[in-house]
Amino acid sequence: MKAFYGDMKLGILGGGQLGRMLIQQAINYNVTVKILDPDPEAPCRKLCDEFSVGSLGDYETVYKFGKTVDLLTIEIEKVNVDALEQLEKEGVVVYPQSRIIRLIQDKGLQKQFFKENDIPTADFQIISSLEQLKQSNIPFPYIQKLRRDGYDGKGVYRVNDEASLENAFTAPSLVERLIDFEKEIAVIVARNEDGEVKCFPMVEMEFNPQANLVEFLIAPSLLPFEVHEEAEQIAKRIAESLKIVGLLAVEMFLDKHGKILVNELAPRPHNSGHQTIEGNTVSQFEQHLRAIFNQPLGNTDCLNNAIMVNVLGEAGHEGPAVYQGIEKVLQKAGVYIHLYGKALTKPFRKMGHVTIVDADRDKAIEKARFVQETLKVVS
């Protein structure tokens, strides 16, 4: 697809905040957007041209939805891949391709792909039962991950010793060596149908220790040039090996010895790229659209120092969302608030994000800490 048309129908599986931000960009390209989501109150419901309520895991629902669009993309991997495969056979364009979504849905297959393609990753072992887990040759402590359906820190368990095995997952999983890492880093790479590939500059991440999800992100990273170069080369190699069309987020660890190890992949816009809306020449959302429509990929240069803070529901609060501290936060220059339109809050739920841009990196970080302390989502 080499052109955008007013009557081009883009279908998105998933109506959450990523879909919402994709719609905001698609409006600029005069594209008709149709959304499928199981939640009638999903964040996209009022922004898209057509909103359908239905299960993303149901074959018939996904298939019928796909037949009404010209091009189908995702904002969440947990979708019915069999339906996507059939749609591809019948001429519906699906990006990222169904085979890639199938691979990434299964963390065990992801790890095998890394091994087969010489992508550096932590030592691992695939486990199908608790008995196999008890016989694992990975030394304590190690990380156990469910092969399927884990996200935002869910489906991940640290096994410290034999006593910890009592609470381990019994479903098919993988265990991997615990990395003594210096930093968690990420690179978002895009590839279009013509094979053009571009990376966004590498970012550093800080995770919320309680919720195990990204809370604080700094772009660009000040780690040595060699680390940036290697991380971006790894991301490009993965994108080219997969021949993905669309966006791919590559989450990595930098260990204490300076070695980069790939953690996980996400074939879509990602939390580690939200700062690109204000912080880069092109945003990750525009880049994803350019890639899936086979347009020239945009310039990914950083315009400024950009810090992204996730706005999470406060612990102990569940119910209609109330945002405290917005006026104080907006008094600071270079602060951009993005609320996701979720009516209900619960502990650690992603309710929005804030990007802080400043020519002075230290001032940007100082403002970001202020935002973290001041902007609260309660009920």
Protein backbone atom coordinates (compact mmCIF):
# COMPACT_ATOMS: atom_id res chain seq x y z
CA MET A 1 0.00 0.00 0.00
CA LYS A 2 1.70 3.13 -1.21
CA ALA A 3 -0.93 5.78 -0.54
CA PHE A 4 -3.33 6.97 2.12
CA TYR A 5 -6.92 7.28 0.99
CA GLY A 6 -9.90 8.89 2.66
CA ASP A 7 -11.85 5.67 2.19
CA MET A 8 -9.01 3.47 3.51
CA LYS A 9 -10.44 1.41 6.38
CA LEU A 10 -7.92 0.58 9.09
CA GLY A 11 -8.99 -1.98 11.68
CA ILE A 12 -7.33 -2.09 15.10
CA LEU A 13 -7.70 -5.09 17.40
CA GLY A 14 -7.82 -3.58 20.86
CA GLY A 15 -9.30 -0.29 22.04
CA GLY A 16 -6.96 0.71 24.85
CA GLN A 17 -4.60 3.65 25.18
CA LEU A 18 -2.30 2.49 22.37
CA GLY A 19 -5.24 2.35 19.98
CA ARG A 20 -6.35 5.75 21.24
CA MET A 21 -2.98 7.31 20.41
CA LEU A 22 -2.91 5.55 17.02
CA ILE A 23 -6.30 7.09 16.21
CA GLN A 24 -5.02 10.55 17.15
CA GLN A 25 -2.31 10.14 14.50
CA ALA A 26 -4.51 8.41 11.91
CA ILE A 27 -6.85 11.43 11.93
CA ASN A 28 -4.02 13.46 10.35
CA TYR A 29 -3.89 10.98 7.47
CA ASN A 30 -7.65 11.01 6.87
CA VAL A 31 -7.91 7.26 7.53
CA THR A 32 -11.17 5.63 8.65
CA VAL A 33 -10.49 3.71 11.87
CA LYS A 34 -12.57 0.80 13.14
CA ILE A 35 -11.92 -0.71 16.60
CA LEU A 36 -12.75 -4.10 18.12
CA ASP A 37 -12.54 -4.43 21.91
CA PRO A 38 -14.35 -6.55 24.52
CA ASP A 39 -14.93 -3.56 26.82
CA PRO A 40 -17.88 -1.31 25.84
CA GLU A 41 -16.19 1.48 27.85
CA ALA A 42 -12.74 1.09 26.23
CA PRO A 43 -10.67 4.31 25.83
CA CYS A 44 -11.14 4.29 22.02
CA ARG A 45 -14.92 4.08 22.05
CA LYS A 46 -15.61 7.77 21.38
CA LEU A 47 -12.67 8.54 19.09
CA CYS A 48 -12.92 5.96 16.30
CA ASP A 49 -15.22 5.99 13.27
CA GLU A 50 -16.75 2.66 14.26
CA PHE A 51 -16.50 0.78 17.56
CA SER A 52 -17.41 -2.92 17.86
CA VAL A 53 -17.68 -4.83 21.12
CA GLY A 54 -16.43 -8.40 20.95
CA SER A 55 -13.82 -10.90 22.11
CA LEU A 56 -10.35 -10.55 20.59
CA GLY A 57 -9.80 -14.25 21.28
CA ASP A 58 -12.89 -15.48 19.41
CA TYR A 59 -12.22 -16.74 15.85
CA GLU A 60 -15.55 -15.70 14.31
CA THR A 61 -15.56 -12.26 15.94
CA VAL A 62 -12.04 -11.39 14.75
CA TYR A 63 -12.63 -12.91 11.30
CA LYS A 64 -15.89 -11.00 10.68
CA PHE A 65 -14.34 -7.76 11.91
CA GLY A 66 -11.31 -8.27 9.66
CA LYS A 67 -13.51 -8.74 6.59
CA THR A 68 -14.83 -5.17 7.00
CA VAL A 69 -11.41 -3.45 6.73
CA ASP A 70 -8.61 -3.04 4.19
CA LEU A 71 -5.78 -3.38 6.65
CA LEU A 72 -5.75 -4.90 10.13
CA THR A 73 -3.29 -4.09 12.91
CA ILE A 74 -3.09 -4.67 16.67
CA GLU A 75 -2.50 -2.76 19.88
CA ILE A 76 -2.38 -5.97 21.96
CA GLU A 77 -0.92 -9.38 21.11
CA LYS A 78 -3.64 -11.44 22.81
CA VAL A 79 -5.75 -11.98 19.68
CA ASN A 80 -7.01 -14.97 17.68
CA VAL A 81 -4.14 -15.71 15.30
CA ASP A 82 -6.02 -18.46 13.41
CA ALA A 83 -8.54 -15.83 12.28
CA LEU A 84 -5.72 -13.52 11.20
CA GLU A 85 -4.12 -16.31 9.15
CA GLN A 86 -7.40 -16.97 7.35
CA LEU A 87 -7.89 -13.26 6.67
CA GLU A 88 -4.40 -13.08 5.15
CA LYS A 89 -5.24 -16.02 2.87
CA GLU A 90 -8.34 -14.15 1.73
CA GLY A 91 -6.44 -10.98 0.87
CA VAL A 92 -6.85 -8.82 3.97
CA VAL A 93 -3.55 -7.15 4.79
CA VAL A 94 -2.53 -7.96 8.38
CA TYR A 95 0.45 -6.08 9.87
CA PRO A 96 2.26 -7.19 11.90
CA GLN A 97 1.91 -10.54 10.17
CA SER A 98 0.00 -13.33 11.95
CA ARG A 99 3.08 -15.59 12.10
CA ILE A 100 4.94 -12.90 14.08
CA ILE A 101 2.06 -12.40 16.51
CA ARG A 102 1.91 -16.19 17.02
CA LEU A 103 5.64 -16.27 17.81
CA ILE A 104 5.49 -13.33 20.23
CA GLN A 105 2.37 -14.61 22.02
CA ASP A 106 4.50 -17.50 23.31
CA LYS A 107 7.55 -16.51 25.36
CA GLY A 108 8.98 -19.99 24.86
CA LEU A 109 8.89 -19.58 21.06
CA GLN A 110 10.37 -16.08 21.46
CA LYS A 111 13.32 -17.50 23.38
CA GLN A 112 13.84 -20.28 20.83
CA PHE A 113 13.81 -17.67 18.06
CA PHE A 114 16.55 -15.73 19.92
CA LYS A 115 18.63 -18.88 20.26
CA GLU A 116 18.21 -19.90 16.61
CA ASN A 117 19.12 -16.43 15.35
CA ASP A 118 22.07 -15.78 17.71
CA ILE A 119 20.25 -12.98 19.53
CA PRO A 120 21.85 -12.56 22.98
CA THR A 121 19.45 -13.49 25.79
CA ALA A 122 19.56 -15.00 29.29
CA ASP A 123 20.06 -18.76 29.65
CA PHE A 124 16.65 -20.42 29.73
CA GLN A 125 14.78 -23.68 29.95
CA ILE A 126 11.24 -24.44 28.75
CA ILE A 127 9.06 -26.14 31.38
CA SER A 128 5.70 -27.86 30.94
CA SER A 129 5.03 -29.05 34.52
CA LEU A 130 5.88 -28.36 38.15
CA GLU A 131 7.88 -31.58 38.20
CA GLN A 132 10.08 -30.31 35.38
CA LEU A 133 10.43 -27.00 37.20
CA LYS A 134 11.74 -28.80 40.30
CA GLN A 135 14.34 -30.52 38.11
CA SER A 136 15.45 -27.31 36.38
CA ASN A 137 19.18 -26.95 35.83
CA ILE A 138 19.04 -23.16 36.18
CA PRO A 139 20.44 -22.28 39.63
CA PHE A 140 18.45 -20.38 42.26
CA PRO A 141 17.40 -17.60 42.22
CA TYR A 142 15.78 -17.54 38.78
CA ILE A 143 12.78 -16.03 37.01
CA GLN A 144 9.77 -18.08 35.93
CA LYS A 145 7.54 -16.67 33.18
CA LEU A 146 4.28 -18.06 31.88
CA ARG A 147 4.67 -18.83 28.18
CA ARG A 148 1.36 -17.15 27.37
CA ASP A 149 -0.79 -14.22 28.53
CA GLY A 150 1.69 -12.47 30.80
CA TYR A 151 1.88 -8.66 30.52
CA ASP A 152 2.76 -5.58 32.63
CA GLY A 153 4.56 -7.72 35.20
CA LYS A 154 1.80 -10.35 35.43
CA GLY A 155 2.83 -13.94 34.76
CA VAL A 156 6.34 -13.37 36.16
CA TYR A 157 7.56 -15.01 39.38
CA ARG A 158 10.94 -14.96 41.10
CA VAL A 159 11.94 -18.38 42.44
CA ASN A 160 14.47 -17.75 45.20
CA ASP A 161 14.81 -21.26 46.62
CA GLU A 162 13.06 -24.62 46.94
CA ALA A 163 10.48 -23.16 49.35
CA SER A 164 9.45 -20.66 46.64
CA LEU A 165 8.42 -23.55 44.38
CA GLU A 166 5.20 -23.89 46.40
CA ASN A 167 3.85 -20.73 44.76
CA ALA A 168 5.34 -21.29 41.30
CA PHE A 169 3.22 -21.41 38.14
CA THR A 170 2.06 -24.88 37.15
CA ALA A 171 1.08 -23.90 33.57
CA PRO A 172 3.62 -24.18 30.70
CA SER A 173 6.36 -21.66 31.36
CA LEU A 174 10.03 -20.94 30.97
CA VAL A 175 12.71 -20.32 33.54
CA GLU A 176 15.62 -18.03 32.88
CA ARG A 177 18.77 -17.05 34.67
CA LEU A 178 18.37 -13.98 36.88
CA ILE A 179 20.31 -11.11 35.29
CA ASP A 180 22.34 -8.86 37.57
CA PHE A 181 21.64 -5.85 35.40
CA GLU A 182 22.95 -2.32 35.46
CA LYS A 183 20.09 -0.82 33.40
CA GLU A 184 16.91 -1.82 31.62
CA ILE A 185 16.97 -0.36 28.13
CA ALA A 186 14.73 -0.47 25.08
CA VAL A 187 14.86 0.22 21.37
CA ILE A 188 11.80 0.64 19.16
CA VAL A 189 12.44 -0.32 15.55
CA ALA A 190 10.16 0.04 12.53
CA ARG A 191 10.22 -1.81 9.21
CA ASN A 192 8.01 -1.21 6.19
CA GLU A 193 7.03 -3.59 3.38
CA ASP A 194 9.86 -2.28 1.17
CA GLY A 195 12.36 -3.38 3.84
CA GLU A 196 13.30 0.09 5.08
CA VAL A 197 14.29 -0.13 8.76
CA LYS A 198 14.72 2.68 11.31
CA CYS A 199 15.31 2.71 15.06
CA PHE A 200 14.35 5.27 17.66
CA PRO A 201 17.31 6.19 19.89
CA MET A 202 17.76 3.82 22.83
CA VAL A 203 16.04 4.74 26.10
CA GLU A 204 16.67 3.90 29.76
CA MET A 205 13.83 2.65 31.96
CA GLU A 206 13.07 2.49 35.65
CA PHE A 207 10.47 -0.02 36.81
CA ASN A 208 7.97 0.24 39.64
CA PRO A 209 9.22 -2.50 42.02
CA GLN A 210 5.71 -3.27 43.31
CA ALA A 211 3.88 -3.41 39.97
CA ASN A 212 6.87 -4.52 37.83
CA LEU A 213 6.03 -2.13 34.99
CA VAL A 214 7.71 0.92 33.49
CA GLU A 215 7.28 3.96 35.70
CA PHE A 216 9.99 6.31 34.51
CA LEU A 217 11.79 6.58 31.17
CA ILE A 218 14.70 8.79 30.06
CA ALA A 219 15.47 9.65 26.43
CA PRO A 220 17.98 9.83 25.02
CA SER A 221 20.13 7.59 27.22
CA LEU A 222 23.54 8.86 28.32
CA LEU A 223 25.06 5.37 28.26
CA PRO A 224 28.17 5.02 26.06
CA PHE A 225 27.78 5.28 22.28
CA GLU A 226 28.89 1.65 21.88
CA VAL A 227 25.90 0.49 23.99
CA HIS A 228 23.48 2.55 21.85
CA GLU A 229 25.00 1.20 18.66
CA GLU A 230 24.90 -2.43 19.78
CA ALA A 231 21.33 -2.19 21.12
CA GLU A 232 20.10 -0.64 17.87
CA GLN A 233 21.94 -3.22 15.75
CA ILE A 234 20.32 -6.03 17.77
CA ALA A 235 16.86 -4.47 17.27
CA LYS A 236 17.44 -4.11 13.51
CA ARG A 237 18.67 -7.69 13.26
CA ILE A 238 15.52 -8.98 14.98
CA ALA A 239 13.23 -6.87 12.74
CA GLU A 240 15.01 -8.04 9.61
CA SER A 241 15.08 -11.70 10.71
CA LEU A 242 11.33 -11.58 11.37
CA LYS A 243 10.66 -9.47 8.24
CA ILE A 244 8.09 -7.68 10.37
CA VAL A 245 6.00 -4.89 8.88
CA GLY A 246 5.17 -2.39 11.59
CA LEU A 247 6.70 -1.44 14.90
CA LEU A 248 8.70 -3.72 17.19
CA ALA A 249 9.67 -2.82 20.77
CA VAL A 250 12.79 -4.66 21.96
CA GLU A 251 13.25 -4.67 25.74
CA MET A 252 16.80 -5.44 26.89
CA PHE A 253 19.04 -5.67 29.93
CA LEU A 254 22.51 -4.16 30.17
CA ASP A 255 24.32 -6.35 32.69
CA LYS A 256 27.06 -5.33 35.12
CA HIS A 257 29.71 -6.50 32.62
CA GLY A 258 28.39 -4.31 29.80
CA LYS A 259 26.69 -7.16 27.94
CA ILE A 260 23.28 -6.60 26.32
CA LEU A 261 20.68 -9.36 26.66
CA VAL A 262 17.25 -9.24 25.00
CA ASN A 263 14.38 -9.72 27.42
CA GLU A 264 11.11 -9.56 25.43
CA LEU A 265 9.51 -8.27 22.22
CA ALA A 266 6.25 -6.42 21.56
CA PRO A 267 5.06 -6.12 17.92
CA ARG A 268 3.27 -2.77 18.32
CA PRO A 269 3.60 0.69 19.84
CA HIS A 270 4.95 0.34 23.36
CA ASN A 271 5.13 2.07 26.72
CA SER A 272 8.85 2.66 26.15
CA GLY A 273 8.04 4.94 23.19
CA HIS A 274 5.36 7.28 24.52
CA GLN A 275 7.85 10.13 24.95
CA THR A 276 8.32 10.21 21.15
CA ILE A 277 5.06 12.18 20.73
CA GLU A 278 6.73 15.36 22.06
CA GLY A 279 10.35 14.24 22.20
CA ASN A 280 11.13 13.06 18.65
CA THR A 281 10.74 14.30 15.07
CA VAL A 282 8.29 11.46 14.41
CA SER A 283 6.25 9.65 17.07
CA GLN A 284 6.12 5.87 17.43
CA PHE A 285 2.43 6.01 16.50
CA GLU A 286 3.04 7.86 13.24
CA GLN A 287 5.96 5.53 12.50
CA HIS A 288 3.76 2.47 12.96
CA LEU A 289 1.20 3.89 10.51
CA ARG A 290 3.92 4.81 8.01
CA ALA A 291 5.33 1.28 8.24
CA ILE A 292 2.04 -0.61 7.80
CA PHE A 293 1.00 1.68 4.91
CA ASN A 294 4.45 1.18 3.32
CA GLN A 295 5.29 4.88 3.40
CA PRO A 296 8.82 6.27 3.88
CA LEU A 297 9.75 5.96 7.55
CA GLY A 298 10.10 9.20 9.50
CA ASN A 299 13.17 10.81 11.06
CA THR A 300 13.51 9.39 14.57
CA ASP A 301 15.93 11.99 16.00
CA CYS A 302 15.36 13.27 19.52
CA LEU A 303 14.31 16.94 19.58
CA ASN A 304 15.14 17.38 23.25
CA ASN A 305 15.66 15.57 26.53
CA ALA A 306 12.38 13.79 27.23
CA ILE A 307 11.27 12.02 30.39
CA MET A 308 8.13 9.88 30.44
CA VAL A 309 6.30 9.16 33.69
CA ASN A 310 3.53 6.57 33.81
CA VAL A 311 0.46 7.77 35.70
CA LEU A 312 -0.66 4.75 37.72
CA GLY A 313 -3.68 4.19 39.93
CA GLU A 314 -2.76 4.68 43.59
CA ALA A 315 -2.56 1.67 45.89
CA GLY A 316 -5.70 1.27 47.99
CA HIS A 317 -7.95 3.08 45.51
CA GLU A 318 -10.49 1.39 43.27
CA GLY A 319 -13.48 3.03 41.57
CA PRO A 320 -14.26 6.19 39.55
CA ALA A 321 -10.97 7.97 38.81
CA VAL A 322 -10.16 11.31 40.43
CA TYR A 323 -6.99 13.13 39.28
CA GLN A 324 -5.21 15.17 41.95
CA GLY A 325 -2.43 17.68 41.28
CA ILE A 326 -3.05 18.39 37.57
CA GLU A 327 -3.02 22.20 38.03
CA LYS A 328 0.29 22.12 39.94
CA VAL A 329 1.88 19.89 37.30
CA LEU A 330 0.71 22.07 34.41
CA GLN A 331 2.36 25.13 35.97
CA LYS A 332 5.72 23.63 34.96
CA ALA A 333 7.00 24.45 31.47
CA GLY A 334 7.43 21.56 29.04
CA VAL A 335 4.96 19.23 30.79
CA TYR A 336 2.49 17.33 28.59
CA ILE A 337 -0.32 15.27 30.12
CA HIS A 338 -1.92 12.33 28.32
CA LEU A 339 -4.93 10.80 30.09
CA TYR A 340 -6.26 7.54 28.64
CA GLY A 341 -9.99 7.97 29.18
CA LYS A 342 -10.36 5.10 31.66
CA ALA A 343 -13.34 5.78 33.90
CA LEU A 344 -12.28 3.41 36.69
CA THR A 345 -8.99 3.30 38.54
CA LYS A 346 -7.42 0.42 40.45
CA PRO A 347 -3.98 -0.06 42.02
CA PHE A 348 -1.17 0.32 39.46
CA ARG A 349 -3.55 0.51 36.49
CA LYS A 350 -2.07 2.64 33.67
CA MET A 351 -4.32 5.70 33.65
CA GLY A 352 -2.12 7.98 31.58
CA HIS A 353 1.39 9.25 31.08
CA VAL A 354 3.19 12.58 31.32
CA THR A 355 6.08 13.65 29.10
CA ILE A 356 8.51 16.31 30.31
CA VAL A 357 10.81 17.97 27.76
CA ASP A 358 13.65 20.35 28.61
CA ALA A 359 16.96 21.35 27.06
CA ASP A 360 18.50 20.85 30.52
CA ARG A 361 18.48 17.13 31.31
CA ASP A 362 18.77 17.59 35.08
CA LYS A 363 15.85 20.04 35.09
CA ALA A 364 13.77 17.58 33.07
CA ILE A 365 14.48 14.83 35.61
CA GLU A 366 13.71 17.20 38.50
CA LYS A 367 10.33 18.09 36.93
CA ALA A 368 9.60 14.41 36.31
CA ARG A 369 10.16 13.61 39.99
CA PHE A 370 7.81 16.47 40.87
CA VAL A 371 5.16 15.00 38.55
CA GLN A 372 5.58 11.57 40.17
CA GLU A 373 5.09 13.05 43.64
CA THR A 374 2.25 15.43 42.73
CA LEU A 375 -0.06 13.85 40.13
CA LYS A 376 -2.09 11.10 41.81
CA VAL A 377 -5.04 8.99 40.61
CA VAL A 378 -7.40 8.18 43.47
CA SER A 379 -11.06 7.20 43.75
